[in-house]
Amino acid sequence: MSMINYASREINCKLVYYGPGLGGKTTNIECVYSKVNPETRGKLISLATEQERTLFFDFLPVDLGEIRGFKTRFHLYTVPGQVYYNASRRLILKGVDGVVFVADSQAERLTANLASMQNLYDNLAEYGYDAEQLPLVVQYNKQDLPNRLPVEEMRAQLNPSGLPDFEAIATQGVGVFDTLKAVSKLVLKTLG
């Protein structure tokens, strides 16, 4: 839930990048960190294993300027992709304002994508969030790989309700900011 501080005229929003392991959630955050003006971002915090897998979460605060005299700051989080960290994933979703589902476009990862999407909806329901009311966008990452599924097929499987979606190659920064911009706009729209 967005935190509005009227005294300091600040709005803080929480965005969570969700998806299967090794899908590119951390790569999205690292790309944002590397391309955003250092004066408008905080420190990137990552808790990773020795194999550079996300152990608990990644965190990056980013200032997005002023809206109606309020300074807006988005706190970007990733969740660990591995199934056995579900308690961490659920905890990180607490108080979420918007979600980016980062799907791995490789054909052999479709089952993992579907399981992770279902896990997202299950965890949102645990907190009483209505997934249809929460700002949610889908990113089809790894569009540069030869074994990728066609976007139309991924869309049919992962996004039948027609959420905003984007093709991406996070390692090259392609689609990263389009995705962030879309979910940020949806979150700001909910603030009225």
N, C-alpha and C. Protein backbone atom coordinates (compact mmCIF):
# COMPACT_ATOMS: atom_id res chain seq x y z
N MET A 1 0.84 -1.18 0.00
CA MET A 1 0.00 0.00 0.00
C MET A 1 0.89 1.24 0.00
N SER A 2 0.57 2.19 -0.85
CA SER A 2 1.35 3.41 -0.94
C SER A 2 1.37 4.15 0.38
N MET A 3 2.51 4.70 0.71
CA MET A 3 2.66 5.50 1.93
C MET A 3 2.75 6.96 1.51
N ILE A 4 1.78 7.75 1.95
CA ILE A 4 1.78 9.17 1.63
C ILE A 4 2.10 9.93 2.90
N ASN A 5 3.19 10.69 2.85
CA ASN A 5 3.58 11.51 3.98
C ASN A 5 3.29 12.96 3.63
N TYR A 6 2.21 13.50 4.19
CA TYR A 6 1.82 14.87 3.85
C TYR A 6 2.78 15.90 4.42
N ALA A 7 3.41 15.61 5.55
CA ALA A 7 4.35 16.55 6.16
C ALA A 7 5.57 16.76 5.26
N SER A 8 6.13 15.66 4.77
CA SER A 8 7.33 15.79 3.91
C SER A 8 6.96 15.82 2.43
N ARG A 9 5.63 15.68 2.14
CA ARG A 9 5.12 15.69 0.77
C ARG A 9 5.82 14.62 -0.08
N GLU A 10 5.75 13.38 0.41
CA GLU A 10 6.35 12.25 -0.28
C GLU A 10 5.32 11.13 -0.45
N ILE A 11 5.41 10.47 -1.60
CA ILE A 11 4.62 9.26 -1.85
C ILE A 11 5.60 8.12 -2.09
N ASN A 12 5.48 7.07 -1.33
CA ASN A 12 6.34 5.90 -1.50
C ASN A 12 5.49 4.72 -1.96
N CYS A 13 5.90 4.09 -3.04
CA CYS A 13 5.16 2.97 -3.61
C CYS A 13 6.09 1.76 -3.72
N LYS A 14 5.50 0.60 -3.60
CA LYS A 14 6.26 -0.65 -3.64
C LYS A 14 5.91 -1.45 -4.89
N LEU A 15 6.93 -1.72 -5.71
CA LEU A 15 6.76 -2.56 -6.90
C LEU A 15 7.54 -3.85 -6.69
N VAL A 16 6.94 -4.95 -7.04
CA VAL A 16 7.60 -6.25 -6.89
C VAL A 16 7.73 -6.93 -8.25
N TYR A 17 8.96 -7.35 -8.56
CA TYR A 17 9.22 -8.13 -9.76
C TYR A 17 9.12 -9.60 -9.36
N TYR A 18 8.19 -10.31 -9.97
CA TYR A 18 7.86 -11.68 -9.61
C TYR A 18 8.07 -12.57 -10.82
N GLY A 19 8.38 -13.84 -10.61
CA GLY A 19 8.51 -14.76 -11.72
C GLY A 19 9.38 -15.94 -11.37
N PRO A 20 9.56 -16.85 -12.32
CA PRO A 20 10.34 -18.06 -12.05
C PRO A 20 11.82 -17.75 -11.88
N GLY A 21 12.53 -18.69 -11.29
CA GLY A 21 13.96 -18.53 -11.09
C GLY A 21 14.69 -18.34 -12.41
N LEU A 22 15.69 -17.49 -12.39
CA LEU A 22 16.55 -17.20 -13.55
C LEU A 22 15.78 -16.60 -14.73
N GLY A 23 14.64 -15.97 -14.43
CA GLY A 23 13.84 -15.36 -15.49
C GLY A 23 14.30 -13.97 -15.87
N GLY A 24 15.05 -13.31 -14.98
CA GLY A 24 15.57 -11.97 -15.29
C GLY A 24 15.06 -10.87 -14.38
N LYS A 25 14.51 -11.22 -13.24
CA LYS A 25 14.00 -10.20 -12.31
C LYS A 25 15.15 -9.31 -11.81
N THR A 26 16.20 -9.93 -11.34
CA THR A 26 17.36 -9.17 -10.84
C THR A 26 18.00 -8.39 -11.97
N THR A 27 18.07 -8.96 -13.15
CA THR A 27 18.66 -8.26 -14.29
C THR A 27 17.88 -6.99 -14.60
N ASN A 28 16.55 -7.03 -14.49
CA ASN A 28 15.73 -5.82 -14.67
C ASN A 28 16.14 -4.74 -13.68
N ILE A 29 16.25 -5.12 -12.42
CA ILE A 29 16.59 -4.14 -11.37
C ILE A 29 18.01 -3.60 -11.60
N GLU A 30 18.92 -4.48 -11.95
CA GLU A 30 20.30 -4.03 -12.20
C GLU A 30 20.36 -3.07 -13.39
N CYS A 31 19.54 -3.32 -14.39
CA CYS A 31 19.50 -2.43 -15.55
C CYS A 31 18.98 -1.05 -15.15
N VAL A 32 17.91 -1.03 -14.36
CA VAL A 32 17.37 0.25 -13.89
C VAL A 32 18.45 0.98 -13.08
N TYR A 33 19.11 0.26 -12.21
CA TYR A 33 20.15 0.85 -11.37
C TYR A 33 21.26 1.47 -12.23
N SER A 34 21.67 0.75 -13.27
CA SER A 34 22.79 1.22 -14.08
C SER A 34 22.45 2.40 -14.97
N LYS A 35 21.17 2.58 -15.29
CA LYS A 35 20.80 3.63 -16.25
C LYS A 35 20.14 4.86 -15.64
N VAL A 36 19.73 4.75 -14.39
CA VAL A 36 19.06 5.88 -13.75
C VAL A 36 20.12 6.82 -13.18
N ASN A 37 19.84 8.10 -13.24
CA ASN A 37 20.75 9.11 -12.68
C ASN A 37 21.05 8.76 -11.21
N PRO A 38 22.34 8.68 -10.85
CA PRO A 38 22.70 8.32 -9.47
C PRO A 38 22.06 9.22 -8.41
N GLU A 39 21.71 10.44 -8.78
CA GLU A 39 21.10 11.35 -7.80
C GLU A 39 19.64 11.01 -7.53
N THR A 40 19.05 10.18 -8.40
CA THR A 40 17.63 9.85 -8.23
C THR A 40 17.41 8.42 -7.78
N ARG A 41 18.45 7.74 -7.42
CA ARG A 41 18.30 6.36 -6.96
C ARG A 41 19.09 6.15 -5.68
N GLY A 42 18.67 5.14 -4.95
CA GLY A 42 19.39 4.75 -3.75
C GLY A 42 20.35 3.62 -4.07
N LYS A 43 20.76 2.96 -3.03
CA LYS A 43 21.72 1.87 -3.18
C LYS A 43 20.98 0.58 -3.54
N LEU A 44 21.56 -0.19 -4.47
CA LEU A 44 21.00 -1.49 -4.82
C LEU A 44 21.47 -2.51 -3.79
N ILE A 45 20.51 -3.13 -3.17
CA ILE A 45 20.82 -4.14 -2.15
C ILE A 45 20.40 -5.50 -2.68
N SER A 46 21.33 -6.42 -2.73
CA SER A 46 21.04 -7.78 -3.20
C SER A 46 21.54 -8.77 -2.16
N LEU A 47 20.69 -9.73 -1.86
CA LEU A 47 21.08 -10.84 -1.00
C LEU A 47 21.06 -12.08 -1.87
N ALA A 48 22.23 -12.47 -2.36
CA ALA A 48 22.32 -13.56 -3.31
C ALA A 48 23.16 -14.71 -2.76
N THR A 49 22.94 -15.88 -3.35
CA THR A 49 23.75 -17.05 -2.98
C THR A 49 25.08 -16.97 -3.73
N GLU A 50 25.95 -17.93 -3.51
CA GLU A 50 27.23 -17.96 -4.20
C GLU A 50 27.06 -18.14 -5.70
N GLN A 51 25.95 -18.72 -6.13
CA GLN A 51 25.69 -18.90 -7.56
C GLN A 51 24.93 -17.70 -8.14
N GLU A 52 24.91 -16.60 -7.39
CA GLU A 52 24.25 -15.36 -7.80
C GLU A 52 22.75 -15.53 -7.99
N ARG A 53 22.14 -16.49 -7.31
CA ARG A 53 20.69 -16.60 -7.29
C ARG A 53 20.19 -15.75 -6.14
N THR A 54 19.03 -15.13 -6.32
CA THR A 54 18.49 -14.28 -5.27
C THR A 54 18.07 -15.14 -4.09
N LEU A 55 18.63 -14.84 -2.92
CA LEU A 55 18.35 -15.61 -1.72
C LEU A 55 17.10 -15.10 -1.03
N PHE A 56 16.98 -13.80 -0.88
CA PHE A 56 15.82 -13.24 -0.20
C PHE A 56 15.14 -12.21 -1.08
N PHE A 57 15.81 -11.15 -1.44
CA PHE A 57 15.25 -10.17 -2.35
C PHE A 57 16.35 -9.23 -2.82
N ASP A 58 16.04 -8.46 -3.86
CA ASP A 58 16.85 -7.32 -4.28
C ASP A 58 15.99 -6.11 -4.02
N PHE A 59 16.62 -4.99 -3.72
CA PHE A 59 15.88 -3.78 -3.39
C PHE A 59 16.57 -2.56 -4.00
N LEU A 60 15.77 -1.71 -4.64
CA LEU A 60 16.31 -0.49 -5.23
C LEU A 60 15.27 0.62 -5.12
N PRO A 61 15.56 1.69 -4.38
CA PRO A 61 14.65 2.85 -4.37
C PRO A 61 14.99 3.79 -5.54
N VAL A 62 13.96 4.28 -6.23
CA VAL A 62 14.14 5.18 -7.37
C VAL A 62 13.16 6.33 -7.25
N ASP A 63 13.68 7.56 -7.35
CA ASP A 63 12.81 8.75 -7.36
C ASP A 63 12.32 8.99 -8.78
N LEU A 64 11.03 9.23 -8.92
CA LEU A 64 10.47 9.46 -10.25
C LEU A 64 9.95 10.88 -10.43
N GLY A 65 10.45 11.80 -9.62
CA GLY A 65 10.06 13.19 -9.78
C GLY A 65 8.87 13.56 -8.93
N GLU A 66 8.28 14.72 -9.23
CA GLU A 66 7.16 15.22 -8.43
C GLU A 66 5.84 15.09 -9.19
N ILE A 67 4.81 14.78 -8.43
CA ILE A 67 3.45 14.76 -8.97
C ILE A 67 2.58 15.56 -8.01
N ARG A 68 1.99 16.63 -8.54
CA ARG A 68 1.14 17.52 -7.74
C ARG A 68 1.83 17.96 -6.45
N GLY A 69 3.12 18.26 -6.56
CA GLY A 69 3.87 18.76 -5.42
C GLY A 69 4.36 17.70 -4.45
N PHE A 70 4.12 16.43 -4.78
CA PHE A 70 4.61 15.34 -3.94
C PHE A 70 5.78 14.64 -4.64
N LYS A 71 6.84 14.42 -3.88
CA LYS A 71 7.97 13.67 -4.39
C LYS A 71 7.57 12.19 -4.42
N THR A 72 7.74 11.54 -5.58
CA THR A 72 7.35 10.12 -5.68
C THR A 72 8.59 9.25 -5.70
N ARG A 73 8.55 8.23 -4.89
CA ARG A 73 9.66 7.28 -4.81
C ARG A 73 9.09 5.88 -4.92
N PHE A 74 9.66 5.12 -5.86
CA PHE A 74 9.27 3.73 -6.03
C PHE A 74 10.35 2.83 -5.45
N HIS A 75 9.92 1.87 -4.67
CA HIS A 75 10.83 0.88 -4.09
C HIS A 75 10.66 -0.40 -4.89
N LEU A 76 11.71 -0.76 -5.62
CA LEU A 76 11.65 -1.93 -6.49
C LEU A 76 12.22 -3.14 -5.75
N TYR A 77 11.45 -4.20 -5.71
CA TYR A 77 11.86 -5.44 -5.06
C TYR A 77 11.79 -6.58 -6.07
N THR A 78 12.65 -7.57 -5.88
CA THR A 78 12.47 -8.84 -6.59
C THR A 78 12.21 -9.90 -5.53
N VAL A 79 11.63 -10.99 -5.98
CA VAL A 79 11.46 -12.14 -5.08
C VAL A 79 12.40 -13.23 -5.54
N PRO A 80 12.79 -14.14 -4.63
CA PRO A 80 13.56 -15.30 -5.08
C PRO A 80 12.68 -16.18 -5.97
N GLY A 81 13.24 -16.70 -7.04
CA GLY A 81 12.43 -17.47 -7.98
C GLY A 81 12.21 -18.92 -7.58
N GLN A 82 13.10 -19.43 -6.75
CA GLN A 82 13.00 -20.84 -6.42
C GLN A 82 11.77 -21.10 -5.56
N VAL A 83 11.10 -22.21 -5.86
CA VAL A 83 9.84 -22.56 -5.20
C VAL A 83 10.00 -22.68 -3.69
N TYR A 84 11.12 -23.21 -3.22
CA TYR A 84 11.27 -23.45 -1.80
C TYR A 84 11.44 -22.16 -0.98
N TYR A 85 11.47 -21.00 -1.63
CA TYR A 85 11.50 -19.73 -0.91
C TYR A 85 10.13 -19.05 -0.90
N ASN A 86 9.07 -19.83 -0.97
CA ASN A 86 7.75 -19.23 -1.07
C ASN A 86 7.40 -18.33 0.10
N ALA A 87 7.82 -18.68 1.30
CA ALA A 87 7.52 -17.83 2.45
C ALA A 87 8.13 -16.44 2.26
N SER A 88 9.33 -16.38 1.70
CA SER A 88 9.97 -15.08 1.42
C SER A 88 9.19 -14.33 0.35
N ARG A 89 8.80 -15.05 -0.68
CA ARG A 89 8.04 -14.40 -1.76
C ARG A 89 6.76 -13.78 -1.22
N ARG A 90 6.05 -14.54 -0.39
CA ARG A 90 4.79 -14.04 0.16
C ARG A 90 5.04 -12.81 1.03
N LEU A 91 6.07 -12.88 1.85
CA LEU A 91 6.40 -11.76 2.74
C LEU A 91 6.73 -10.49 1.94
N ILE A 92 7.46 -10.64 0.86
CA ILE A 92 7.86 -9.48 0.05
C ILE A 92 6.64 -8.85 -0.63
N LEU A 93 5.62 -9.63 -0.89
CA LEU A 93 4.40 -9.09 -1.51
C LEU A 93 3.56 -8.23 -0.56
N LYS A 94 3.80 -8.36 0.72
CA LYS A 94 3.01 -7.60 1.69
C LYS A 94 3.14 -6.09 1.44
N GLY A 95 2.03 -5.43 1.28
CA GLY A 95 2.04 -3.98 1.06
C GLY A 95 2.37 -3.58 -0.37
N VAL A 96 2.30 -4.52 -1.30
CA VAL A 96 2.67 -4.23 -2.69
C VAL A 96 1.65 -3.28 -3.34
N ASP A 97 2.18 -2.40 -4.20
CA ASP A 97 1.32 -1.49 -4.97
C ASP A 97 1.20 -1.91 -6.42
N GLY A 98 2.20 -2.63 -6.91
CA GLY A 98 2.18 -3.06 -8.30
C GLY A 98 3.15 -4.21 -8.50
N VAL A 99 2.85 -5.04 -9.51
CA VAL A 99 3.67 -6.22 -9.77
C VAL A 99 4.07 -6.26 -11.24
N VAL A 100 5.33 -6.63 -11.46
CA VAL A 100 5.80 -6.97 -12.80
C VAL A 100 6.07 -8.46 -12.79
N PHE A 101 5.35 -9.21 -13.62
CA PHE A 101 5.63 -10.63 -13.74
C PHE A 101 6.63 -10.80 -14.87
N VAL A 102 7.83 -11.25 -14.53
CA VAL A 102 8.90 -11.45 -15.52
C VAL A 102 8.90 -12.92 -15.93
N ALA A 103 8.41 -13.17 -17.14
CA ALA A 103 8.36 -14.54 -17.67
C ALA A 103 9.62 -14.83 -18.47
N ASP A 104 10.08 -16.04 -18.35
CA ASP A 104 11.23 -16.51 -19.14
C ASP A 104 10.68 -17.06 -20.46
N SER A 105 11.07 -16.48 -21.56
CA SER A 105 10.49 -16.84 -22.86
C SER A 105 10.97 -18.16 -23.43
N GLN A 106 11.92 -18.82 -22.79
CA GLN A 106 12.40 -20.09 -23.32
C GLN A 106 11.29 -21.15 -23.24
N ALA A 107 11.13 -21.92 -24.31
CA ALA A 107 10.05 -22.91 -24.40
C ALA A 107 10.06 -23.86 -23.20
N GLU A 108 11.23 -24.30 -22.79
CA GLU A 108 11.31 -25.27 -21.69
C GLU A 108 11.00 -24.66 -20.34
N ARG A 109 10.79 -23.36 -20.26
CA ARG A 109 10.46 -22.69 -19.00
C ARG A 109 8.97 -22.36 -18.87
N LEU A 110 8.17 -22.78 -19.84
CA LEU A 110 6.74 -22.45 -19.79
C LEU A 110 6.07 -23.00 -18.54
N THR A 111 6.36 -24.25 -18.19
CA THR A 111 5.75 -24.84 -17.00
C THR A 111 6.14 -24.05 -15.75
N ALA A 112 7.41 -23.64 -15.66
CA ALA A 112 7.86 -22.85 -14.50
C ALA A 112 7.16 -21.49 -14.48
N ASN A 113 6.96 -20.89 -15.66
CA ASN A 113 6.24 -19.62 -15.73
C ASN A 113 4.81 -19.77 -15.21
N LEU A 114 4.15 -20.81 -15.69
CA LEU A 114 2.76 -21.03 -15.27
C LEU A 114 2.66 -21.29 -13.77
N ALA A 115 3.59 -22.08 -13.24
CA ALA A 115 3.58 -22.36 -11.80
C ALA A 115 3.84 -21.09 -11.00
N SER A 116 4.76 -20.27 -11.48
CA SER A 116 5.07 -19.04 -10.76
C SER A 116 3.90 -18.05 -10.82
N MET A 117 3.23 -17.97 -11.96
CA MET A 117 2.07 -17.08 -12.09
C MET A 117 0.97 -17.52 -11.12
N GLN A 118 0.72 -18.85 -11.07
CA GLN A 118 -0.29 -19.35 -10.14
C GLN A 118 0.11 -19.06 -8.70
N ASN A 119 1.41 -19.22 -8.41
CA ASN A 119 1.93 -18.93 -7.07
C ASN A 119 1.74 -17.46 -6.73
N LEU A 120 1.93 -16.59 -7.70
CA LEU A 120 1.70 -15.15 -7.47
C LEU A 120 0.25 -14.91 -7.08
N TYR A 121 -0.68 -15.46 -7.85
CA TYR A 121 -2.10 -15.26 -7.55
C TYR A 121 -2.47 -15.86 -6.20
N ASP A 122 -1.90 -17.03 -5.88
CA ASP A 122 -2.17 -17.65 -4.57
C ASP A 122 -1.67 -16.76 -3.43
N ASN A 123 -0.45 -16.24 -3.59
CA ASN A 123 0.12 -15.40 -2.53
C ASN A 123 -0.61 -14.06 -2.40
N LEU A 124 -1.04 -13.50 -3.51
CA LEU A 124 -1.83 -12.27 -3.44
C LEU A 124 -3.14 -12.52 -2.70
N ALA A 125 -3.75 -13.67 -3.00
CA ALA A 125 -5.01 -14.00 -2.34
C ALA A 125 -4.83 -14.18 -0.83
N GLU A 126 -3.67 -14.68 -0.42
CA GLU A 126 -3.39 -14.84 1.02
C GLU A 126 -3.49 -13.51 1.75
N TYR A 127 -3.12 -12.43 1.08
CA TYR A 127 -3.20 -11.10 1.69
C TYR A 127 -4.53 -10.42 1.41
N GLY A 128 -5.38 -11.08 0.68
CA GLY A 128 -6.67 -10.50 0.36
C GLY A 128 -6.64 -9.52 -0.79
N TYR A 129 -5.56 -9.53 -1.57
CA TYR A 129 -5.50 -8.65 -2.74
C TYR A 129 -6.34 -9.23 -3.86
N ASP A 130 -7.03 -8.38 -4.57
CA ASP A 130 -7.75 -8.77 -5.76
C ASP A 130 -6.80 -8.56 -6.94
N ALA A 131 -6.33 -9.68 -7.51
CA ALA A 131 -5.34 -9.59 -8.59
C ALA A 131 -5.86 -8.79 -9.78
N GLU A 132 -7.19 -8.74 -9.95
CA GLU A 132 -7.75 -7.99 -11.07
C GLU A 132 -7.76 -6.49 -10.81
N GLN A 133 -7.61 -6.09 -9.55
CA GLN A 133 -7.59 -4.67 -9.20
C GLN A 133 -6.17 -4.13 -9.00
N LEU A 134 -5.23 -5.03 -8.77
CA LEU A 134 -3.85 -4.63 -8.51
C LEU A 134 -3.13 -4.31 -9.83
N PRO A 135 -2.41 -3.19 -9.91
CA PRO A 135 -1.61 -2.94 -11.12
C PRO A 135 -0.62 -4.09 -11.36
N LEU A 136 -0.76 -4.71 -12.51
CA LEU A 136 0.06 -5.88 -12.84
C LEU A 136 0.38 -5.84 -14.32
N VAL A 137 1.65 -5.98 -14.65
CA VAL A 137 2.06 -6.06 -16.05
C VAL A 137 2.91 -7.31 -16.23
N VAL A 138 2.97 -7.80 -17.45
CA VAL A 138 3.72 -9.01 -17.76
C VAL A 138 4.85 -8.64 -18.72
N GLN A 139 6.02 -9.17 -18.43
CA GLN A 139 7.17 -8.96 -19.31
C GLN A 139 7.64 -10.32 -19.83
N TYR A 140 7.76 -10.44 -21.15
CA TYR A 140 8.28 -11.66 -21.76
C TYR A 140 9.77 -11.45 -22.01
N ASN A 141 10.57 -11.88 -21.08
CA ASN A 141 12.01 -11.62 -21.14
C ASN A 141 12.72 -12.69 -21.96
N LYS A 142 13.93 -12.39 -22.33
CA LYS A 142 14.82 -13.30 -23.09
C LYS A 142 14.31 -13.50 -24.51
N GLN A 143 13.81 -12.44 -25.12
CA GLN A 143 13.30 -12.51 -26.48
C GLN A 143 14.41 -12.67 -27.52
N ASP A 144 15.66 -12.63 -27.08
CA ASP A 144 16.78 -12.78 -28.00
C ASP A 144 17.22 -14.24 -28.16
N LEU A 145 16.66 -15.13 -27.37
CA LEU A 145 17.13 -16.51 -27.40
C LEU A 145 16.45 -17.32 -28.52
N PRO A 146 17.18 -18.21 -29.17
CA PRO A 146 16.61 -18.96 -30.29
C PRO A 146 15.51 -19.94 -29.88
N ASN A 147 15.50 -20.37 -28.63
CA ASN A 147 14.50 -21.34 -28.18
C ASN A 147 13.29 -20.68 -27.52
N ARG A 148 13.08 -19.40 -27.82
CA ARG A 148 11.94 -18.68 -27.21
C ARG A 148 10.63 -19.11 -27.86
N LEU A 149 9.57 -19.03 -27.06
CA LEU A 149 8.22 -19.26 -27.59
C LEU A 149 7.75 -17.99 -28.29
N PRO A 150 6.88 -18.12 -29.26
CA PRO A 150 6.29 -16.92 -29.86
C PRO A 150 5.50 -16.14 -28.78
N VAL A 151 5.56 -14.84 -28.84
CA VAL A 151 4.87 -14.00 -27.85
C VAL A 151 3.38 -14.32 -27.81
N GLU A 152 2.79 -14.60 -28.97
CA GLU A 152 1.36 -14.89 -29.00
C GLU A 152 1.04 -16.13 -28.15
N GLU A 153 1.92 -17.12 -28.20
CA GLU A 153 1.69 -18.33 -27.42
C GLU A 153 1.87 -18.05 -25.93
N MET A 154 2.89 -17.26 -25.60
CA MET A 154 3.11 -16.91 -24.19
C MET A 154 1.93 -16.09 -23.66
N ARG A 155 1.47 -15.18 -24.49
CA ARG A 155 0.34 -14.34 -24.10
C ARG A 155 -0.90 -15.20 -23.84
N ALA A 156 -1.14 -16.16 -24.72
CA ALA A 156 -2.31 -17.04 -24.56
C ALA A 156 -2.22 -17.86 -23.27
N GLN A 157 -1.00 -18.28 -22.91
CA GLN A 157 -0.81 -19.10 -21.72
C GLN A 157 -0.76 -18.29 -20.43
N LEU A 158 -0.06 -17.16 -20.47
CA LEU A 158 0.22 -16.41 -19.23
C LEU A 158 -0.63 -15.17 -19.04
N ASN A 159 -1.22 -14.69 -20.10
CA ASN A 159 -1.91 -13.40 -20.01
C ASN A 159 -3.23 -13.41 -20.77
N PRO A 160 -4.09 -14.39 -20.49
CA PRO A 160 -5.35 -14.46 -21.25
C PRO A 160 -6.29 -13.29 -20.97
N SER A 161 -6.10 -12.60 -19.84
CA SER A 161 -7.00 -11.48 -19.53
C SER A 161 -6.53 -10.16 -20.14
N GLY A 162 -5.41 -10.18 -20.87
CA GLY A 162 -4.99 -8.99 -21.59
C GLY A 162 -4.37 -7.89 -20.75
N LEU A 163 -3.59 -8.27 -19.75
CA LEU A 163 -2.86 -7.27 -18.97
C LEU A 163 -1.83 -6.59 -19.88
N PRO A 164 -1.40 -5.38 -19.53
CA PRO A 164 -0.34 -4.76 -20.32
C PRO A 164 0.88 -5.70 -20.34
N ASP A 165 1.47 -5.91 -21.51
CA ASP A 165 2.62 -6.81 -21.58
C ASP A 165 3.68 -6.25 -22.50
N PHE A 166 4.91 -6.72 -22.29
CA PHE A 166 6.05 -6.17 -23.01
C PHE A 166 7.05 -7.27 -23.33
N GLU A 167 7.63 -7.17 -24.50
CA GLU A 167 8.74 -8.05 -24.85
C GLU A 167 10.01 -7.39 -24.32
N ALA A 168 10.96 -8.21 -23.88
CA ALA A 168 12.16 -7.63 -23.29
C ALA A 168 13.39 -8.51 -23.51
N ILE A 169 14.51 -7.85 -23.48
CA ILE A 169 15.82 -8.49 -23.39
C ILE A 169 16.53 -7.72 -22.29
N ALA A 170 16.29 -8.11 -21.07
CA ALA A 170 16.76 -7.33 -19.92
C ALA A 170 18.27 -7.18 -19.90
N THR A 171 19.00 -8.18 -20.41
CA THR A 171 20.47 -8.08 -20.41
C THR A 171 20.95 -6.93 -21.29
N GLN A 172 20.10 -6.49 -22.24
CA GLN A 172 20.46 -5.38 -23.12
C GLN A 172 19.65 -4.13 -22.79
N GLY A 173 18.81 -4.22 -21.79
CA GLY A 173 18.00 -3.06 -21.39
C GLY A 173 16.76 -2.89 -22.24
N VAL A 174 16.52 -3.78 -23.18
CA VAL A 174 15.36 -3.67 -24.08
C VAL A 174 14.08 -4.01 -23.31
N GLY A 175 13.14 -3.10 -23.31
CA GLY A 175 11.84 -3.33 -22.68
C GLY A 175 11.81 -3.10 -21.18
N VAL A 176 12.95 -2.90 -20.57
CA VAL A 176 13.00 -2.75 -19.10
C VAL A 176 12.27 -1.49 -18.65
N PHE A 177 12.56 -0.37 -19.29
CA PHE A 177 11.94 0.88 -18.85
C PHE A 177 10.49 1.01 -19.34
N ASP A 178 10.19 0.39 -20.48
CA ASP A 178 8.79 0.37 -20.93
C ASP A 178 7.93 -0.33 -19.88
N THR A 179 8.44 -1.45 -19.37
CA THR A 179 7.72 -2.21 -18.35
C THR A 179 7.58 -1.40 -17.07
N LEU A 180 8.68 -0.81 -16.61
CA LEU A 180 8.66 -0.03 -15.37
C LEU A 180 7.72 1.17 -15.49
N LYS A 181 7.79 1.83 -16.63
CA LYS A 181 6.94 3.00 -16.85
C LYS A 181 5.46 2.60 -16.81
N ALA A 182 5.13 1.49 -17.44
CA ALA A 182 3.72 1.05 -17.50
C ALA A 182 3.19 0.72 -16.11
N VAL A 183 3.93 -0.04 -15.33
CA VAL A 183 3.42 -0.41 -14.00
C VAL A 183 3.39 0.82 -13.09
N SER A 184 4.36 1.72 -13.23
CA SER A 184 4.37 2.94 -12.42
C SER A 184 3.15 3.80 -12.71
N LYS A 185 2.81 3.92 -13.99
CA LYS A 185 1.63 4.71 -14.37
C LYS A 185 0.37 4.10 -13.77
N LEU A 186 0.27 2.77 -13.84
CA LEU A 186 -0.91 2.10 -13.28
C LEU A 186 -1.00 2.33 -11.77
N VAL A 187 0.13 2.28 -11.09
CA VAL A 187 0.14 2.50 -9.64
C VAL A 187 -0.28 3.95 -9.33
N LEU A 188 0.29 4.89 -10.05
CA LEU A 188 -0.05 6.31 -9.80
C LEU A 188 -1.53 6.58 -10.08
N LYS A 189 -2.07 5.88 -11.05
CA LYS A 189 -3.50 6.04 -11.37
C LYS A 189 -4.37 5.61 -10.20
N THR A 190 -3.93 4.61 -9.45
CA THR A 190 -4.72 4.14 -8.30
C THR A 190 -4.72 5.15 -7.16
N LEU A 191 -3.74 6.06 -7.17
CA LEU A 191 -3.66 7.07 -6.11
C LEU A 191 -4.65 8.20 -6.33
N GLY A 192 -5.18 8.26 -7.55
CA GLY A 192 -6.18 9.28 -7.85
C GLY A 192 -5.57 10.52 -8.23
